[in-house]
C-alpha atoms as a PDB file:
ATOM      1  CA  MET A   1      22.811 -13.745 -72.741  1.00  0.00           C
ATOM      2  CA  LYS A   2      22.017 -15.800 -69.858  1.00  0.00           C
ATOM      3  CA  LYS A   3      22.906 -19.304 -71.197  1.00  0.00           C
ATOM      4  CA  THR A   4      26.105 -17.849 -72.245  1.00  0.00           C
ATOM      5  CA  PHE A   5      26.829 -16.649 -68.344  1.00  0.00           C
ATOM      6  CA  LEU A   6      25.885 -20.365 -67.249  1.00  0.00           C
ATOM      7  CA  HIS A   7      28.366 -22.045 -69.256  1.00  0.00           C
ATOM      8  CA  CYS A   8      31.234 -19.739 -68.086  1.00  0.00           C
ATOM      9  CA  ALA A   9      30.165 -20.064 -64.530  1.00  0.00           C
ATOM     10  CA  LEU A  10      30.184 -23.739 -64.757  1.00  0.00           C
ATOM     11  CA  ALA A  11      33.736 -23.500 -66.557  1.00  0.00           C
ATOM     12  CA  LEU A  12      35.268 -21.385 -63.866  1.00  0.00           C
ATOM     13  CA  ALA A  13      33.769 -23.681 -61.096  1.00  0.00           C
ATOM     14  CA  LEU A  14      35.379 -26.365 -62.346  1.00  0.00           C
ATOM     15  CA  CYS A  15      38.861 -24.841 -63.015  1.00  0.00           C
ATOM     16  CA  VAL A  16      38.553 -23.423 -59.108  1.00  0.00           C
ATOM     17  CA  SER A  17      37.621 -26.620 -57.595  1.00  0.00           C
ATOM     18  CA  MET A  18      40.494 -28.657 -59.492  1.00  0.00           C
ATOM     19  CA  SER A  19      42.981 -25.933 -58.339  1.00  0.00           C
ATOM     20  CA  GLY A  20      41.553 -26.062 -54.702  1.00  0.00           C
ATOM     21  CA  GLY A  21      40.472 -22.169 -54.828  1.00  0.00           C
ATOM     22  CA  VAL A  22      37.233 -20.546 -54.515  1.00  0.00           C
ATOM     23  CA  VAL A  23      35.522 -18.393 -56.623  1.00  0.00           C
ATOM     24  CA  MET A  24      32.711 -15.682 -56.177  1.00  0.00           C
ATOM     25  CA  ALA A  25      29.747 -16.603 -57.790  1.00  0.00           C
ATOM     26  CA  GLU A  26      28.997 -12.977 -59.209  1.00  0.00           C
ATOM     27  CA  GLU A  27      32.689 -13.131 -60.282  1.00  0.00           C
ATOM     28  CA  ALA A  28      32.207 -16.307 -62.279  1.00  0.00           C
ATOM     29  CA  VAL A  29      29.318 -14.601 -64.520  1.00  0.00           C
ATOM     30  CA  MET A  30      30.896 -13.057 -67.561  1.00  0.00           C
ATOM     31  CA  PRO A  31      30.043 -13.256 -71.177  1.00  0.00           C
ATOM     32  CA  ILE A  32      31.895 -15.820 -73.373  1.00  0.00           C
ATOM     33  CA  SER A  33      32.075 -16.212 -77.090  1.00  0.00           C
ATOM     34  CA  ALA A  34      30.143 -19.037 -78.835  1.00  0.00           C
ATOM     35  CA  ASP A  35      33.646 -19.941 -80.695  1.00  0.00           C
ATOM     36  CA  ILE A  36      34.946 -21.162 -77.037  1.00  0.00           C
ATOM     37  CA  ALA A  37      31.739 -22.814 -75.396  1.00  0.00           C
ATOM     38  CA  ALA A  38      32.063 -26.456 -74.287  1.00  0.00           C
ATOM     39  CA  GLU A  39      29.900 -28.734 -72.935  1.00  0.00           C
ATOM     40  CA  PRO A  40      29.063 -27.683 -69.137  1.00  0.00           C
ATOM     41  CA  ALA A  41      30.746 -30.098 -66.742  1.00  0.00           C
ATOM     42  CA  VAL A  42      28.632 -31.626 -64.190  1.00  0.00           C
ATOM     43  CA  LEU A  43      30.075 -30.849 -60.739  1.00  0.00           C
ATOM     44  CA  MET A  44      30.017 -32.503 -57.266  1.00  0.00           C
ATOM     45  CA  PRO A  45      28.264 -30.726 -54.449  1.00  0.00           C
ATOM     46  CA  VAL A  46      30.854 -29.675 -51.978  1.00  0.00           C
ATOM     47  CA  GLN A  47      30.312 -31.690 -48.742  1.00  0.00           C
ATOM     48  CA  ILE A  48      31.386 -30.729 -45.401  1.00  0.00           C
ATOM     49  CA  SER A  49      30.767 -31.773 -41.517  1.00  0.00           C
ATOM     50  CA  GLY A  50      31.430 -30.455 -38.277  1.00  0.00           C
ATOM     51  CA  PRO A  51      29.851 -28.320 -35.570  1.00  0.00           C
ATOM     52  CA  VAL A  52      28.365 -25.082 -36.304  1.00  0.00           C
ATOM     53  CA  THR A  53      28.004 -21.404 -35.083  1.00  0.00           C
ATOM     54  CA  VAL A  54      24.659 -20.182 -35.946  1.00  0.00           C
ATOM     55  CA  LEU A  55      24.932 -16.671 -37.471  1.00  0.00           C
ATOM     56  CA  GLU A  56      22.609 -13.628 -36.832  1.00  0.00           C
ATOM     57  CA  ASN A  57      21.647 -13.834 -40.339  1.00  0.00           C
ATOM     58  CA  GLY A  58      20.512 -17.547 -40.261  1.00  0.00           C
ATOM     59  CA  GLY A  59      23.682 -18.640 -42.132  1.00  0.00           C
ATOM     60  CA  LEU A  60      25.740 -21.684 -40.603  1.00  0.00           C
ATOM     61  CA  TYR A  61      29.644 -21.170 -40.147  1.00  0.00           C
ATOM     62  CA  ILE A  62      30.571 -25.124 -39.915  1.00  0.00           C
ATOM     63  CA  LYS A  63      34.245 -26.087 -38.990  1.00  0.00           C
ATOM     64  CA  SER A  64      34.942 -29.222 -40.803  1.00  0.00           C
ATOM     65  CA  ASP A  65      35.811 -32.248 -38.652  1.00  0.00           C
ATOM     66  CA  ASN A  66      37.809 -33.742 -41.460  1.00  0.00           C
ATOM     67  CA  GLU A  67      41.489 -32.381 -41.447  1.00  0.00           C
ATOM     68  CA  GLU A  68      42.109 -33.317 -45.255  1.00  0.00           C
ATOM     69  CA  SER A  69      39.078 -31.664 -46.614  1.00  0.00           C
ATOM     70  CA  ILE A  70      40.012 -28.653 -48.832  1.00  0.00           C
ATOM     71  CA  HIS A  71      37.289 -26.621 -47.551  1.00  0.00           C
ATOM     72  CA  SER A  72      38.395 -26.655 -43.784  1.00  0.00           C
ATOM     73  CA  GLU A  73      35.400 -23.994 -42.693  1.00  0.00           C
ATOM     74  CA  VAL A  74      32.737 -22.474 -44.777  1.00  0.00           C
ATOM     75  CA  ILE A  75      29.649 -20.450 -44.020  1.00  0.00           C
ATOM     76  CA  ALA A  76      26.302 -22.652 -45.521  1.00  0.00           C
ATOM     77  CA  LYS A  77      23.630 -20.147 -46.523  1.00  0.00           C
ATOM     78  CA  ILE A  78      19.840 -21.260 -46.154  1.00  0.00           C
ATOM     79  CA  SER A  79      17.397 -20.658 -49.014  1.00  0.00           C
ATOM     80  CA  GLU A  80      14.016 -21.218 -49.356  1.00  0.00           C
ATOM     81  CA  GLU A  81      15.050 -24.041 -51.541  1.00  0.00           C
ATOM     82  CA  THR A  82      17.890 -25.778 -49.247  1.00  0.00           C
ATOM     83  CA  ALA A  83      16.300 -29.048 -47.716  1.00  0.00           C
ATOM     84  CA  VAL A  84      17.103 -28.998 -43.815  1.00  0.00           C
ATOM     85  CA  VAL A  85      16.465 -32.933 -42.725  1.00  0.00           C
ATOM     86  CA  ASP A  86      16.494 -34.430 -39.340  1.00  0.00           C
ATOM     87  CA  ALA A  87      18.582 -37.379 -39.502  1.00  0.00           C
ATOM     88  CA  GLU A  88      16.684 -39.576 -36.901  1.00  0.00           C
ATOM     89  CA  THR A  89      13.307 -39.283 -38.879  1.00  0.00           C
ATOM     90  CA  GLY A  90      14.134 -38.295 -42.229  1.00  0.00           C
ATOM     91  CA  PHE A  91      11.439 -35.085 -41.927  1.00  0.00           C
ATOM     92  CA  ALA A  92      11.998 -31.725 -42.668  1.00  0.00           C
ATOM     93  CA  MET A  93      13.575 -29.493 -39.637  1.00  0.00           C
ATOM     94  CA  ASN A  94      13.255 -25.930 -38.616  1.00  0.00           C
ATOM     95  CA  PRO A  95      16.735 -24.177 -39.191  1.00  0.00           C
ATOM     96  CA  ALA A  96      15.996 -22.472 -35.940  1.00  0.00           C
ATOM     97  CA  ASP A  97      16.407 -25.905 -34.193  1.00  0.00           C
ATOM     98  CA  ILE A  98      19.988 -25.936 -34.954  1.00  0.00           C
ATOM     99  CA  THR A  99      22.028 -24.890 -32.131  1.00  0.00           C
ATOM    100  CA  ASP A 100      25.371 -23.467 -31.714  1.00  0.00           C
ATOM    101  CA  GLY A 101      28.055 -26.525 -31.051  1.00  0.00           C
ATOM    102  CA  SER A 102      25.677 -29.307 -32.840  1.00  0.00           C
ATOM    103  CA  VAL A 103      27.153 -31.414 -35.605  1.00  0.00           C
ATOM    104  CA  VAL A 104      25.812 -30.931 -38.935  1.00  0.00           C
ATOM    105  CA  TYR A 105      26.382 -32.536 -42.526  1.00  0.00           C
ATOM    106  CA  ALA A 106      25.952 -30.199 -45.465  1.00  0.00           C
ATOM    107  CA  TRP A 107      26.303 -30.429 -49.279  1.00  0.00           C
ATOM    108  CA  LEU A 108      26.759 -27.078 -50.733  1.00  0.00           C
ATOM    109  CA  GLY A 109      26.522 -25.543 -54.088  1.00  0.00           C
ATOM    110  CA  ASN A 110      30.253 -25.113 -55.971  1.00  0.00           C
ATOM    111  CA  ALA A 111      30.005 -21.264 -56.889  1.00  0.00           C
ATOM    112  CA  MET A 112      31.639 -19.908 -53.554  1.00  0.00           C
ATOM    113  CA  THR A 113      32.402 -16.143 -52.652  1.00  0.00           C
ATOM    114  CA  MET A 114      36.012 -15.595 -52.337  1.00  0.00           C
ATOM    115  CA  SER A 115      35.638 -14.311 -48.751  1.00  0.00           C
ATOM    116  CA  ILE A 116      37.356 -16.120 -45.788  1.00  0.00           C
ATOM    117  CA  PRO A 117      35.472 -18.381 -44.852  1.00  0.00           C
ATOM    118  CA  PRO A 118      34.092 -18.705 -48.311  1.00  0.00           C
ATOM    119  CA  GLN A 119      30.445 -18.739 -48.461  1.00  0.00           C
ATOM    120  CA  SER A 120      27.843 -20.863 -50.668  1.00  0.00           C
ATOM    121  CA  THR A 121      24.284 -21.889 -50.317  1.00  0.00           C
ATOM    122  CA  ALA A 122      23.226 -25.154 -48.944  1.00  0.00           C
ATOM    123  CA  LYS A 123      21.350 -27.768 -51.262  1.00  0.00           C
ATOM    124  CA  VAL A 124      21.024 -29.852 -48.336  1.00  0.00           C
ATOM    125  CA  ILE A 125      21.462 -29.800 -44.496  1.00  0.00           C
ATOM    126  CA  VAL A 126      21.258 -33.009 -42.386  1.00  0.00           C
ATOM    127  CA  ALA A 127      21.123 -32.389 -38.306  1.00  0.00           C
ATOM    128  CA  ASN A 128      20.107 -33.754 -35.124  1.00  0.00           C
ATOM    129  CA  VAL A 129      22.668 -36.817 -36.026  1.00  0.00           C
ATOM    130  CA  ALA A 130      22.861 -38.928 -32.755  1.00  0.00           C
ATOM    131  CA  GLU A 131      25.740 -39.379 -31.270  1.00  0.00           C
ATOM    132  CA  GLY A 132      27.563 -42.809 -32.474  1.00  0.00           C
ATOM    133  CA  THR A 133      25.347 -43.108 -35.491  1.00  0.00           C
ATOM    134  CA  LYS A 134      26.234 -42.605 -39.333  1.00  0.00           C
ATOM    135  CA  ALA A 135      24.411 -39.445 -41.076  1.00  0.00           C
ATOM    136  CA  PRO A 136      22.652 -40.168 -44.349  1.00  0.00           C
ATOM    137  CA  ALA A 137      24.648 -39.352 -47.371  1.00  0.00           C
ATOM    138  CA  TYR A 138      23.189 -37.143 -50.515  1.00  0.00           C
ATOM    139  CA  TYR A 139      23.468 -38.642 -53.885  1.00  0.00           C
ATOM    140  CA  GLU A 140      22.293 -37.282 -57.619  1.00  0.00           C
ATOM    141  CA  ILE A 141      20.978 -40.261 -59.607  1.00  0.00           C
ATOM    142  CA  THR A 142      22.497 -39.919 -63.194  1.00  0.00           C
ATOM    143  CA  GLY A 143      21.366 -42.751 -65.025  1.00  0.00           C
ATOM    144  CA  THR A 144      18.392 -45.211 -64.912  1.00  0.00           C
ATOM    145  CA  ALA A 145      18.197 -47.685 -62.401  1.00  0.00           C
ATOM    146  CA  LYS A 146      19.032 -51.514 -63.143  1.00  0.00           C
ATOM    147  CA  THR A 147      17.155 -54.321 -61.431  1.00  0.00           C
ATOM    148  CA  GLU A 148      18.548 -57.810 -60.822  1.00  0.00           C
ATOM    149  CA  GLU A 149      17.185 -60.221 -58.537  1.00  0.00           C
ATOM    150  CA  ASN A 150      16.338 -58.247 -55.205  1.00  0.00           C
ATOM    151  CA  THR A 151      18.959 -55.663 -55.896  1.00  0.00           C
ATOM    152  CA  VAL A 152      18.417 -51.964 -57.610  1.00  0.00           C
ATOM    153  CA  THR A 153      21.488 -50.577 -58.844  1.00  0.00           C
ATOM    154  CA  LEU A 154      21.549 -46.757 -59.027  1.00  0.00           C
ATOM    155  CA  PRO A 155      24.223 -44.812 -61.011  1.00  0.00           C
ATOM    156  CA  VAL A 156      25.150 -41.486 -59.019  1.00  0.00           C
ATOM    157  CA  LEU A 157      27.051 -38.612 -59.543  1.00  0.00           C
ATOM    158  CA  GLY A 158      31.029 -39.070 -59.260  1.00  0.00           C
ATOM    159  CA  GLY A 159      30.602 -42.097 -61.316  1.00  0.00           C
ATOM    160  CA  THR A 160      29.887 -44.739 -58.603  1.00  0.00           C
ATOM    161  CA  GLU A 161      26.889 -46.808 -57.922  1.00  0.00           C
ATOM    162  CA  LEU A 162      24.447 -47.400 -55.186  1.00  0.00           C
ATOM    163  CA  GLU A 163      23.210 -51.287 -54.637  1.00  0.00           C
ATOM    164  CA  ILE A 164      19.905 -51.093 -52.819  1.00  0.00           C
ATOM    165  CA  SER A 165      17.799 -53.863 -51.793  1.00  0.00           C
ATOM    166  CA  ALA A 166      14.473 -53.790 -53.326  1.00  0.00           C
ATOM    167  CA  ASP A 167      13.175 -54.042 -49.800  1.00  0.00           C
ATOM    168  CA  THR A 168      14.398 -50.687 -48.666  1.00  0.00           C
ATOM    169  CA  GLN A 169      12.475 -48.241 -47.144  1.00  0.00           C
ATOM    170  CA  LEU A 170      11.657 -45.468 -49.412  1.00  0.00           C
ATOM    171  CA  MET A 171      10.086 -42.124 -47.993  1.00  0.00           C
ATOM    172  CA  PRO A 172       9.282 -38.918 -49.631  1.00  0.00           C
ATOM    173  CA  PHE A 173      10.453 -35.424 -48.493  1.00  0.00           C
ATOM    174  CA  MET A 174       7.744 -33.085 -47.175  1.00  0.00           C
ATOM    175  CA  THR A 175       4.804 -34.708 -49.419  1.00  0.00           C
ATOM    176  CA  ARG A 176       2.576 -37.291 -48.841  1.00  0.00           C
ATOM    177  CA  ASN A 177       2.830 -38.809 -52.357  1.00  0.00           C
ATOM    178  CA  ILE A 178       3.847 -42.029 -52.577  1.00  0.00           C
ATOM    179  CA  VAL A 179       7.567 -42.628 -54.070  1.00  0.00           C
ATOM    180  CA  THR A 180       8.435 -46.036 -55.760  1.00  0.00           C
ATOM    181  CA  TRP A 181      11.519 -47.349 -57.440  1.00  0.00           C
ATOM    182  CA  ASP A 182      10.158 -45.674 -60.596  1.00  0.00           C
ATOM    183  CA  SER A 183      10.660 -42.502 -58.979  1.00  0.00           C
ATOM    184  CA  LEU A 184      14.385 -42.998 -58.893  1.00  0.00           C
ATOM    185  CA  MET A 185      15.105 -41.579 -62.237  1.00  0.00           C
ATOM    186  CA  PRO A 186      17.717 -39.463 -63.566  1.00  0.00           C
ATOM    187  CA  GLY A 187      18.074 -36.389 -61.897  1.00  0.00           C
ATOM    188  CA  SER A 188      16.565 -37.581 -58.575  1.00  0.00           C
ATOM    189  CA  GLU A 189      18.358 -36.422 -55.522  1.00  0.00           C
ATOM    190  CA  ILE A 190      18.102 -38.777 -52.507  1.00  0.00           C
ATOM    191  CA  LEU A 191      19.654 -39.072 -49.041  1.00  0.00           C
ATOM    192  CA  ALA A 192      20.717 -42.625 -48.024  1.00  0.00           C
ATOM    193  CA  TRP A 193      21.006 -44.541 -44.677  1.00  0.00           C
ATOM    194  CA  SER A 194      23.013 -47.134 -44.605  1.00  0.00           C
ATOM    195  CA  ASP A 195      24.335 -49.554 -41.645  1.00  0.00           C
ATOM    196  CA  ASP A 196      27.978 -50.272 -40.397  1.00  0.00           C
ATOM    197  CA  GLU A 197      28.395 -52.890 -43.302  1.00  0.00           C
ATOM    198  CA  GLY A 198      27.349 -50.058 -45.959  1.00  0.00           C
ATOM    199  CA  ASN A 199      24.157 -51.728 -46.739  1.00  0.00           C
ATOM    200  CA  ILE A 200      21.372 -49.115 -47.469  1.00  0.00           C
ATOM    201  CA  ASN A 201      18.052 -49.375 -45.531  1.00  0.00           C
ATOM    202  CA  LYS A 202      16.282 -46.184 -46.003  1.00  0.00           C
ATOM    203  CA  VAL A 203      15.974 -43.728 -48.797  1.00  0.00           C
ATOM    204  CA  LEU A 204      14.477 -40.319 -48.663  1.00  0.00           C
ATOM    205  CA  VAL A 205      13.461 -38.985 -52.102  1.00  0.00           C
ATOM    206  CA  PHE A 206      13.564 -35.249 -52.754  1.00  0.00           C
ATOM    207  CA  ALA A 207      10.672 -33.516 -54.689  1.00  0.00           C
ATOM    208  CA  TYR A 208      11.740 -34.112 -58.695  1.00  0.00           C
ATOM    209  CA  LYS A 209      12.731 -30.513 -60.009  1.00  0.00           C
ATOM    210  CA  TYR A 210      12.836 -31.414 -63.836  1.00  0.00           C
ATOM    211  CA  ASN A 211      10.161 -31.877 -66.647  1.00  0.00           C
ATOM    212  CA  GLY A 212      11.835 -35.509 -67.275  1.00  0.00           C
ATOM    213  CA  TYR A 213      15.400 -36.412 -68.577  1.00  0.00           C
ATOM    214  CA  LEU A 214      17.089 -36.725 -71.536  1.00  0.00           C
ATOM    215  CA  ASP A 215      19.256 -39.861 -72.402  1.00  0.00           C
ATOM    216  CA  ILE A 216      21.427 -40.439 -75.374  1.00  0.00           C
ATOM    217  CA  ASP A 217      23.203 -43.658 -76.031  1.00  0.00           C
ATOM    218  CA  GLY A 218      25.154 -43.751 -79.231  1.00  0.00           C
ATOM    219  CA  ASN A 219      22.518 -42.417 -81.734  1.00  0.00           C
ATOM    220  CA  LYS A 220      19.213 -43.482 -79.678  1.00  0.00           C
ATOM    221  CA  VAL A 221      17.592 -40.874 -77.791  1.00  0.00           C
ATOM    222  CA  ASN A 222      15.250 -41.481 -74.913  1.00  0.00           C
ATOM    223  CA  VAL A 223      12.926 -39.114 -72.995  1.00  0.00           C
ATOM    224  CA  SER A 224      11.808 -40.211 -69.756  1.00  0.00           C
ATOM    225  CA  GLY A 225      11.946 -43.696 -70.626  1.00  0.00           C
ATOM    226  CA  MET A 226      10.487 -43.192 -74.176  1.00  0.00           C
ATOM    227  CA  ASP A 227      12.711 -44.472 -77.115  1.00  0.00           C
ATOM    228  CA  LEU A 228      12.233 -41.608 -79.800  1.00  0.00           C
ATOM    229  CA  SER A 229      12.442 -42.455 -83.459  1.00  0.00           C
ATOM    230  CA  ALA A 230      14.604 -39.718 -84.536  1.00  0.00           C
ATOM    231  CA  GLU A 231      18.624 -40.182 -83.761  1.00  0.00           C
ATOM    232  CA  SER A 232      21.242 -37.715 -82.237  1.00  0.00           C
ATOM    233  CA  ASN A 233      23.887 -36.173 -84.342  1.00  0.00           C
ATOM    234  CA  THR A 234      27.345 -35.752 -82.958  1.00  0.00           C
ATOM    235  CA  THR A 235      29.148 -32.954 -84.814  1.00  0.00           C
ATOM    236  CA  ASP A 236      32.927 -31.357 -83.641  1.00  0.00           C
ATOM    237  CA  GLU A 237      32.422 -33.844 -80.361  1.00  0.00           C
ATOM    238  CA  ILE A 238      29.166 -31.795 -79.400  1.00  0.00           C
ATOM    239  CA  VAL A 239      26.125 -34.192 -79.018  1.00  0.00           C
ATOM    240  CA  TYR A 240      23.310 -32.734 -80.956  1.00  0.00           C
ATOM    241  CA  ALA A 241      19.444 -33.509 -80.017  1.00  0.00           C
ATOM    242  CA  PRO A 242      16.354 -33.758 -82.746  1.00  0.00           C
ATOM    243  CA  LEU A 243      14.642 -30.621 -81.499  1.00  0.00           C
ATOM    244  CA  ARG A 244      11.166 -31.527 -82.635  1.00  0.00           C
ATOM    245  CA  ALA A 245      11.240 -34.981 -81.390  1.00  0.00           C
ATOM    246  CA  VAL A 246      12.475 -33.952 -78.101  1.00  0.00           C
ATOM    247  CA  ALA A 247      10.354 -30.854 -77.469  1.00  0.00           C
ATOM    248  CA  GLU A 248       7.056 -32.864 -78.563  1.00  0.00           C
ATOM    249  CA  ALA A 249       8.013 -35.883 -76.295  1.00  0.00           C
ATOM    250  CA  VAL A 250       7.905 -33.418 -73.554  1.00  0.00           C
ATOM    251  CA  GLY A 251       4.726 -31.918 -74.502  1.00  0.00           C
ATOM    252  CA  TYR A 252       5.660 -28.764 -76.336  1.00  0.00           C
ATOM    253  CA  GLU A 253       4.491 -27.582 -79.798  1.00  0.00           C
ATOM    254  CA  VAL A 254       6.931 -27.093 -82.623  1.00  0.00           C
ATOM    255  CA  SER A 255       6.465 -24.836 -85.458  1.00  0.00           C
ATOM    256  CA  TRP A 256       8.462 -23.352 -88.328  1.00  0.00           C
ATOM    257  CA  THR A 257       8.704 -19.900 -89.819  1.00  0.00           C
ATOM    258  CA  ALA A 258      11.333 -18.289 -92.146  1.00  0.00           C
ATOM    259  CA  GLU A 259      11.540 -15.381 -89.873  1.00  0.00           C
ATOM    260  CA  LYS A 260      12.327 -17.394 -86.863  1.00  0.00           C
ATOM    261  CA  GLY A 261      13.125 -20.906 -87.853  1.00  0.00           C
ATOM    262  CA  ALA A 262      12.411 -23.376 -85.095  1.00  0.00           C
ATOM    263  CA  ILE A 263      10.025 -22.268 -82.680  1.00  0.00           C
ATOM    264  CA  ILE A 264       9.093 -24.031 -79.526  1.00  0.00           C
ATOM    265  CA  SER A 265       5.768 -23.088 -77.562  1.00  0.00           C
ATOM    266  CA  TYR A 266       3.804 -24.282 -74.882  1.00  0.00           C
ATOM    267  CA  ASN A 267      -0.054 -23.511 -75.068  1.00  0.00           C
ATOM    268  CA  GLY A 268       0.465 -21.195 -77.800  1.00  0.00           C
ATOM    269  CA  GLU A 269       3.057 -19.088 -75.958  1.00  0.00           C
ATOM    270  CA  GLU A 270       6.550 -19.038 -77.950  1.00  0.00           C
ATOM    271  CA  MET A 271       9.457 -20.028 -75.343  1.00  0.00           C
ATOM    272  CA  ILE A 272      12.245 -20.462 -77.815  1.00  0.00           C
ATOM    273  CA  SER A 273      13.306 -19.852 -81.438  1.00  0.00           C
ATOM    274  CA  VAL A 274      16.444 -20.472 -83.481  1.00  0.00           C
ATOM    275  CA  LEU A 275      17.588 -20.318 -86.989  1.00  0.00           C
ATOM    276  CA  PRO A 276      19.338 -22.689 -89.033  1.00  0.00           C
ATOM    277  CA  ASP A 277      23.226 -22.024 -88.781  1.00  0.00           C
ATOM    278  CA  SER A 278      22.804 -19.616 -85.571  1.00  0.00           C
ATOM    279  CA  ASP A 279      25.032 -20.214 -82.590  1.00  0.00           C
ATOM    280  CA  TYR A 280      22.178 -18.451 -80.313  1.00  0.00           C
ATOM    281  CA  ALA A 281      18.284 -19.162 -79.475  1.00  0.00           C
ATOM    282  CA  THR A 282      16.076 -16.508 -78.886  1.00  0.00           C
ATOM    283  CA  THR A 283      13.832 -16.738 -75.360  1.00  0.00           C
ATOM    284  CA  SER A 284      11.841 -14.717 -73.409  1.00  0.00           C
ATOM    285  CA  GLU A 285      14.805 -13.198 -71.856  1.00  0.00           C
ATOM    286  CA  GLY A 286      16.687 -12.460 -74.958  1.00  0.00           C
ATOM    287  CA  GLU A 287      19.173 -13.979 -77.033  1.00  0.00           C
ATOM    288  CA  THR A 288      20.943 -16.976 -75.636  1.00  0.00           C
ATOM    289  CA  TYR A 289      24.011 -18.701 -76.630  1.00  0.00           C
ATOM    290  CA  LEU A 290      24.378 -22.398 -77.653  1.00  0.00           C
ATOM    291  CA  ILE A 291      27.398 -24.261 -77.120  1.00  0.00           C
ATOM    292  CA  GLY A 292      27.057 -25.397 -80.938  1.00  0.00           C
ATOM    293  CA  LYS A 293      25.516 -24.022 -83.931  1.00  0.00           C
ATOM    294  CA  CYS A 294      22.107 -25.365 -84.662  1.00  0.00           C
ATOM    295  CA  ILE A 295      22.308 -27.490 -87.676  1.00  0.00           C
ATOM    296  CA  PHE A 296      19.959 -28.829 -90.467  1.00  0.00           C
ATOM    297  CA  ASP A 297      20.339 -32.442 -91.743  1.00  0.00           C
ATOM    298  CA  ASN A 298      17.480 -34.241 -93.576  1.00  0.00           C
ATOM    299  CA  ASP A 299      15.291 -31.694 -93.095  1.00  0.00           C
ATOM    300  CA  THR A 300      15.714 -31.986 -89.166  1.00  0.00           C
ATOM    301  CA  ALA A 301      16.849 -29.605 -86.715  1.00  0.00           C
ATOM    302  CA  TYR A 302      19.152 -30.099 -84.663  1.00  0.00           C
ATOM    303  CA  ILE A 303      20.952 -28.291 -81.199  1.00  0.00           C
ATOM    304  CA  PRO A 304      23.258 -29.484 -78.482  1.00  0.00           C
ATOM    305  CA  ALA A 305      21.685 -31.959 -76.192  1.00  0.00           C
ATOM    306  CA  SER A 306      22.714 -30.111 -73.220  1.00  0.00           C
ATOM    307  CA  ASP A 307      21.105 -26.658 -74.622  1.00  0.00           C
ATOM    308  CA  ILE A 308      17.820 -28.441 -75.367  1.00  0.00           C
ATOM    309  CA  ALA A 309      17.817 -30.202 -71.807  1.00  0.00           C
ATOM    310  CA  PHE A 310      18.334 -26.571 -70.517  1.00  0.00           C
ATOM    311  CA  PHE A 311      15.717 -25.011 -72.482  1.00  0.00           C
ATOM    312  CA  LEU A 312      12.898 -27.598 -71.737  1.00  0.00           C
ATOM    313  CA  ASN A 313      14.054 -28.054 -68.126  1.00  0.00           C
ATOM    314  CA  LEU A 314      15.253 -31.860 -68.656  1.00  0.00           C
ATOM    315  CA  TYR A 315      17.778 -33.548 -66.947  1.00  0.00           C
ATOM    316  CA  TYR A 316      20.688 -34.673 -69.195  1.00  0.00           C
ATOM    317  CA  ALA A 317      21.953 -37.985 -68.346  1.00  0.00           C
ATOM    318  CA  LYS A 318      25.231 -38.008 -69.920  1.00  0.00           C
END
């Protein structure tokens, strides 16, 4: 029940973050029944900065330099997915070049162990910050960019917005691919350098990890900038997306059988199937709970928007 576990972990992480405690990732994974499933929360990464002690296993013990931080000390684990960035150049940095006593800025996942100090895998680590200079800040873009005159406004996780000059330098991370303002789509992750007045002068764009994004405004459904003719459906405060229209917009095939219901395939290989009125979908990994039952209306199959975004690896721009 993979998706069931995911919703539960997110819900527990939210409760813990609100209470100021920590939770071990493994303990956050437990069954949850479909009747208490809810829209998964989108949580801010945990940010901490301070001097480090390099551990034998390659992790970093970070002692916070912010006395008001609820996380006064953590162990940041470094995985293959962790982006370690040189603050001066914006280039990738070898974690082995981080030395004891140097100051780093880290953004960590919300699932933390109950150990003292708590441990979590780092999403981004910024090192080699010159004394007297500002470190870049990490952001996740949550909506489409708005351009007005010479300014681009980007909604970011946390409910705030970034205003960036259209002349701001953009650079990719660990690739020679050209990045433009069109690269800053919902789900994009960036580092932004700013001056003492808060004006952003450089933006580092990380590789996009989604197949696109799903944006629902009222009843209008948009997939990666393309408006769909099929509309969304809201039932019991859950936003539902039209399964066929969204899947085909991403490049998947959709078929139907009486035995399996709606089937989403890619290159002829079945990926997901769901029956009408079912509270779970069947994937290659087994049965996966939905946060709301599959519904049919006017011969159109709908499943919760957050679920189809998860199955199709789309960023859900709420």
